[in-house]
């Protein structure tokens, strides 16, 4: 089982170029990506802060709109629900594994 005709380089070089082409190249050992750096406490604190900050911003916007338009609980309830959804979405993005990029055809 020899090499195919018309190919240059070793199997490792061809494998590396194929992985790079498909976005599957891995970082060298000892190099952490920005997403993987940090420990569980740091990730937990970031998740908590993102969830709470989304709720606080939404609460402030809803309260401000209700005071301005004199519709007391309406916008407060709507924006608290939207802020909660945004916070959960941010947490989901943080803890979910990175997606594999799709190939362009």
Protein backbone atom coordinates (compact mmCIF):
# COMPACT_ATOMS: atom_id res chain seq x y z
CA UNK A 1 0.00 0.00 0.00
CA UNK A 2 2.07 2.86 -1.26
CA UNK A 3 1.29 6.49 -1.70
CA UNK A 4 -1.12 7.59 -4.39
CA UNK A 5 0.39 8.99 -7.52
CA UNK A 6 0.38 12.77 -7.75
CA UNK A 7 0.44 13.49 -4.02
CA UNK A 8 3.33 15.25 -2.38
CA UNK A 9 4.32 15.02 1.21
CA UNK A 10 3.84 12.51 3.93
CA UNK A 11 0.61 11.25 5.37
CA UNK A 12 0.99 13.53 8.40
CA UNK A 13 1.34 16.62 6.20
CA UNK A 14 -1.73 15.70 4.15
CA UNK A 15 -3.70 14.94 7.32
CA UNK A 16 -2.70 18.25 8.85
CA UNK A 17 -3.71 20.19 5.74
CA UNK A 18 -7.04 18.34 5.56
CA UNK A 19 -7.80 19.09 9.20
CA UNK A 20 -6.91 22.72 8.68
CA UNK A 21 -9.14 22.92 5.62
CA UNK A 22 -12.10 21.54 7.56
CA UNK A 23 -11.48 23.62 10.69
CA UNK A 24 -10.48 20.65 12.81
CA UNK A 25 -6.91 21.62 13.59
CA UNK A 26 -6.19 21.40 17.29
CA UNK A 27 -3.98 23.76 19.31
CA UNK A 28 -0.58 22.52 20.36
CA UNK A 29 -0.33 20.90 23.81
CA UNK A 30 0.04 23.47 26.53
CA UNK A 31 -1.82 26.15 24.58
CA UNK A 32 -5.31 26.75 25.94
CA UNK A 33 -7.86 28.64 23.95
CA UNK A 34 -9.43 31.71 25.55
CA UNK A 35 -12.64 29.76 26.15
CA UNK A 36 -10.92 26.89 27.97
CA UNK A 37 -8.66 29.02 30.14
CA UNK A 38 -9.76 29.49 33.72
CA UNK A 39 -11.09 27.21 36.33
CA UNK A 40 -14.57 26.17 37.41
CA UNK A 41 -14.87 29.02 39.90
CA UNK A 42 -14.16 31.59 37.19
CA UNK A 43 -16.69 30.04 34.83
CA UNK A 44 -19.27 29.87 37.61
CA UNK A 45 -18.77 33.50 38.54
CA UNK A 46 -18.98 34.60 34.92
CA UNK A 47 -22.20 32.65 34.39
CA UNK A 48 -23.74 34.15 37.52
CA UNK A 49 -22.72 37.68 36.63
CA UNK A 50 -24.06 37.35 33.08
CA UNK A 51 -27.41 36.04 34.27
CA UNK A 52 -27.84 38.67 36.97
CA UNK A 53 -26.64 41.56 34.79
CA UNK A 54 -29.08 40.64 32.00
CA UNK A 55 -31.93 40.64 34.52
CA UNK A 56 -30.86 43.94 36.11
CA UNK A 57 -30.58 45.73 32.76
CA UNK A 58 -33.95 44.38 31.64
CA UNK A 59 -35.52 45.35 34.97
CA UNK A 60 -34.16 48.90 34.68
CA UNK A 61 -35.40 49.29 31.09
CA UNK A 62 -38.87 47.94 31.97
CA UNK A 63 -39.16 50.10 35.06
CA UNK A 64 -38.02 53.20 33.16
CA UNK A 65 -40.49 52.63 30.33
CA UNK A 66 -43.32 52.02 32.80
CA UNK A 67 -42.58 55.25 34.66
CA UNK A 68 -42.26 57.23 31.44
CA UNK A 69 -45.42 55.83 29.78
CA UNK A 70 -47.45 55.37 33.03
CA UNK A 71 -48.13 51.67 32.39
CA UNK A 72 -46.83 50.36 35.68
CA UNK A 73 -46.42 46.58 35.49
CA UNK A 74 -46.65 46.01 31.73
CA UNK A 75 -43.13 46.77 30.45
CA UNK A 76 -41.54 45.61 33.70
CA UNK A 77 -42.98 42.12 33.26
CA UNK A 78 -42.16 41.99 29.54
CA UNK A 79 -38.55 43.09 29.99
CA UNK A 80 -37.93 40.83 33.00
CA UNK A 81 -39.02 37.88 30.86
CA UNK A 82 -36.83 39.05 27.97
CA UNK A 83 -33.88 39.66 30.31
CA UNK A 84 -34.26 36.23 31.85
CA UNK A 85 -34.32 34.65 28.40
CA UNK A 86 -31.25 36.66 27.35
CA UNK A 87 -29.42 35.65 30.52
CA UNK A 88 -30.21 31.97 30.02
CA UNK A 89 -29.11 32.21 26.38
CA UNK A 90 -25.79 33.76 27.46
CA UNK A 91 -25.28 31.00 30.03
CA UNK A 92 -26.14 28.37 27.40
CA UNK A 93 -23.58 29.84 24.99
CA UNK A 94 -20.95 29.85 27.71
CA UNK A 95 -21.33 26.26 28.86
CA UNK A 96 -22.19 24.55 25.57
CA UNK A 97 -19.37 22.95 23.60
CA UNK A 98 -18.09 24.91 20.61
CA UNK A 99 -19.80 24.02 17.38
CA UNK A 100 -17.91 22.65 14.43
CA UNK A 101 -17.93 25.12 11.52
CA UNK A 102 -19.82 23.88 8.50
CA UNK A 103 -18.10 23.38 5.17
CA UNK A 104 -18.82 25.82 2.39
CA UNK A 105 -19.94 24.08 -0.76
